[in-house]
Amino acid sequence: MYNKVILVGNLTRDVEMRYTSSGSAIGKVGIATNRKFKSASGEMKDETMFIDLTFFGRTAEIASQYLKRGSKVLVEGRLILEQWVAQDGTKRSRHSVTVESMQMLDSRGDAAQNNQYNNSGYNSAPSSAPQQQNAYAQQQEPAPAAPTPKSAPQTMPKEPNIPEIDIDEDEIPF
């Protein structure tokens, strides 16, 4: 059997962090996803779904550190059924998603916001990589030779402005 869920949406609240007795991190948060569609009568409708997410391990710590209410995120995981007995003795249940990997989609210019993380905290696929590769490829392509006077100095193409980030080694998520 196959159980895979992929969601893109905005967080409905800040990540609520807890730790197990062994020190493993668990983060809980909600996500709101929506879709627009045309009804049978021809009018445009908007459907919003609210789904609970559970992060584990380093992914939970990264989510807690970088995400807040309203942050846009892409998550991949599996659907689970949580069951419990309420204080009044009634049996309760709900579906939620256990997150296996996450990609932060906010465009805030912060490099950490554009990376993808899985449960081991490994940075598996930066979303900006194709853009960077494309920019580097454009720089490496030779330009057509134009006649220049011999006295004109040759200038090297400028390297892209890379901002310097002050991060302690303990803060690096991988």
Protein backbone atom coordinates (compact mmCIF):
# COMPACT_ATOMS: atom_id res chain seq x y z
CA MET A 1 0.00 0.00 0.00
CA TYR A 2 1.05 3.59 -0.55
CA ASN A 3 0.41 6.47 1.86
CA LYS A 4 1.84 9.78 0.64
CA VAL A 5 0.50 13.30 1.18
CA ILE A 6 1.88 16.48 -0.40
CA LEU A 7 0.47 19.80 0.82
CA VAL A 8 1.23 23.44 0.16
CA GLY A 9 -0.30 26.04 2.41
CA ASN A 10 0.10 28.59 5.16
CA LEU A 11 0.61 27.76 8.82
CA THR A 12 -2.39 28.61 10.98
CA ARG A 13 -0.33 29.06 14.17
CA ASP A 14 3.24 29.01 15.46
CA VAL A 15 4.90 25.62 15.87
CA GLU A 16 4.23 24.13 19.31
CA MET A 17 7.39 22.31 20.46
CA ARG A 18 7.61 19.45 22.95
CA TYR A 19 10.36 17.00 23.79
CA THR A 20 10.14 13.32 24.67
CA SER A 21 11.87 11.96 27.77
CA SER A 22 14.71 10.80 25.49
CA GLY A 23 15.15 14.36 24.14
CA SER A 24 13.57 13.93 20.70
CA ALA A 25 11.76 17.00 19.40
CA ILE A 26 8.08 16.92 18.40
CA GLY A 27 6.46 19.93 16.73
CA LYS A 28 2.75 20.35 16.12
CA VAL A 29 1.15 22.96 13.89
CA GLY A 30 -1.80 23.43 11.58
CA ILE A 31 -1.76 24.24 7.87
CA ALA A 32 -4.48 25.83 5.75
CA THR A 33 -4.71 24.86 2.09
CA ASN A 34 -7.22 26.19 -0.39
CA ARG A 35 -8.41 25.64 -3.91
CA LYS A 36 -10.60 27.67 -6.22
CA PHE A 37 -13.08 25.96 -8.49
CA LYS A 38 -16.13 26.69 -10.59
CA SER A 39 -19.37 25.22 -9.27
CA ALA A 40 -22.04 23.58 -11.41
CA SER A 41 -23.90 26.91 -11.49
CA GLY A 42 -20.80 28.61 -12.92
CA GLU A 43 -19.83 30.70 -9.91
CA MET A 44 -16.28 30.65 -8.52
CA LYS A 45 -15.99 28.97 -5.11
CA ASP A 46 -13.14 28.80 -2.64
CA GLU A 47 -12.58 25.67 -0.53
CA THR A 48 -10.25 25.83 2.48
CA MET A 49 -8.96 22.77 4.36
CA PHE A 50 -7.31 22.87 7.79
CA ILE A 51 -4.94 19.99 8.47
CA ASP A 52 -2.85 19.19 11.56
CA LEU A 53 0.86 18.48 10.99
CA THR A 54 3.37 16.72 13.24
CA PHE A 55 7.13 17.21 12.78
CA PHE A 56 9.76 15.02 14.42
CA GLY A 57 13.46 15.37 15.21
CA ARG A 58 15.59 18.03 13.58
CA THR A 59 12.81 18.95 11.16
CA ALA A 60 10.66 19.95 14.15
CA GLU A 61 13.46 22.13 15.53
CA ILE A 62 14.03 23.80 12.15
CA ALA A 63 10.29 24.39 11.69
CA SER A 64 10.06 25.91 15.17
CA GLN A 65 13.06 28.16 14.54
CA TYR A 66 12.19 29.45 11.05
CA LEU A 67 8.42 29.13 10.65
CA LYS A 68 5.64 31.16 12.23
CA ARG A 69 1.94 31.74 11.72
CA GLY A 70 1.29 32.61 8.06
CA SER A 71 4.51 31.06 6.71
CA LYS A 72 4.07 29.30 3.38
CA VAL A 73 5.41 25.75 3.37
CA LEU A 74 5.38 22.59 1.26
CA VAL A 75 5.28 19.35 3.25
CA GLU A 76 5.45 15.70 2.28
CA GLY A 77 4.39 13.00 4.68
CA ARG A 78 1.93 10.28 5.50
CA LEU A 79 -1.65 10.38 6.68
CA ILE A 80 -2.28 8.94 10.15
CA LEU A 81 -5.36 8.40 12.31
CA GLU A 82 -5.01 9.63 15.89
CA GLN A 83 -7.40 8.06 18.41
CA TRP A 84 -7.91 8.89 22.09
CA VAL A 85 -10.48 8.85 24.86
CA ALA A 86 -11.67 12.32 25.93
CA GLN A 87 -12.04 13.35 29.57
CA ASP A 88 -15.78 12.74 29.37
CA GLY A 89 -15.12 9.12 28.29
CA THR A 90 -16.06 9.48 24.61
CA LYS A 91 -13.81 8.03 21.94
CA ARG A 92 -12.32 10.70 19.68
CA SER A 93 -10.29 10.52 16.47
CA ARG A 94 -8.89 12.74 13.75
CA HIS A 95 -6.66 12.47 10.72
CA SER A 96 -3.35 14.34 10.63
CA VAL A 97 -0.15 14.30 8.59
CA THR A 98 3.21 13.12 9.94
CA VAL A 99 5.74 15.23 8.04
CA GLU A 100 8.68 13.42 6.45
CA SER A 101 10.14 16.40 4.58
CA MET A 102 9.45 20.09 4.38
CA GLN A 103 10.33 22.98 2.09
CA MET A 104 9.95 26.58 3.24
CA LEU A 105 8.44 28.66 0.43
CA ASP A 106 8.48 32.19 1.85
CA SER A 107 10.51 34.57 -0.30
CA ARG A 108 12.20 36.56 2.42
CA GLY A 109 15.73 36.53 1.03
CA ASP A 110 16.92 34.43 3.97
CA ALA A 111 18.80 31.44 2.57
CA ALA A 112 17.51 29.17 5.34
CA GLN A 113 13.92 29.95 4.28
CA ASN A 114 14.45 28.41 0.82
CA ASN A 115 15.82 25.00 1.79
CA GLN A 116 14.23 21.59 2.00
CA TYR A 117 14.65 19.46 5.11
CA ASN A 118 13.73 15.92 5.95
CA ASN A 119 13.49 14.24 9.36
CA SER A 120 17.26 13.84 9.67
CA GLY A 121 17.63 17.60 9.21
CA TYR A 122 19.48 17.05 5.93
CA ASN A 123 19.32 19.84 3.39
CA SER A 124 18.28 17.67 0.48
CA ALA A 125 17.29 20.06 -2.33
CA PRO A 126 17.47 23.84 -2.19
CA SER A 127 14.62 25.31 -4.18
CA SER A 128 16.83 28.09 -5.52
CA ALA A 129 19.45 25.68 -6.95
CA PRO A 130 18.15 25.72 -10.55
CA GLN A 131 18.11 29.50 -10.55
CA GLN A 132 21.66 29.66 -9.19
CA GLN A 133 22.90 27.06 -11.67
CA ASN A 134 21.25 29.00 -14.48
CA ALA A 135 22.86 32.25 -13.31
CA TYR A 136 26.29 30.63 -13.14
CA ALA A 137 25.82 29.03 -16.55
CA GLN A 138 25.00 32.42 -18.03
CA GLN A 139 28.17 33.89 -16.55
CA GLN A 140 30.34 31.09 -17.93
CA GLU A 141 29.08 31.33 -21.50
CA PRO A 142 31.57 33.22 -23.65
CA ALA A 143 30.28 36.49 -25.01
CA PRO A 144 30.75 37.24 -28.71
CA ALA A 145 34.04 38.99 -29.31
CA ALA A 146 33.65 42.70 -29.92
CA PRO A 147 36.45 44.83 -31.28
CA THR A 148 38.09 46.73 -28.45
CA PRO A 149 40.94 49.18 -28.56
CA LYS A 150 44.23 47.64 -27.45
CA SER A 151 44.68 50.27 -24.74
CA ALA A 152 41.40 49.34 -22.99
CA PRO A 153 42.04 47.23 -19.88
CA GLN A 154 40.43 43.80 -19.74
CA THR A 155 37.92 43.50 -16.90
CA MET A 156 36.83 40.28 -15.29
CA PRO A 157 33.08 39.68 -14.88
CA LYS A 158 31.92 40.56 -11.39
CA GLU A 159 31.10 37.73 -9.01
CA PRO A 160 27.53 37.74 -7.73
CA ASN A 161 27.04 39.62 -4.48
CA ILE A 162 27.00 36.92 -1.84
CA PRO A 163 25.85 38.19 1.54
CA GLU A 164 27.86 37.20 4.58
CA ILE A 165 25.75 35.43 7.19
CA ASP A 166 26.79 35.36 10.83
CA ILE A 167 25.71 31.90 12.06
CA ASP A 168 27.20 29.86 14.88
CA GLU A 169 27.96 26.22 14.08
CA ASP A 170 25.26 25.15 16.54
CA GLU A 171 22.62 26.94 14.44
CA ILE A 172 23.44 25.16 11.15
CA PRO A 173 20.51 22.83 10.46
CA PHE A 174 22.54 20.08 8.78
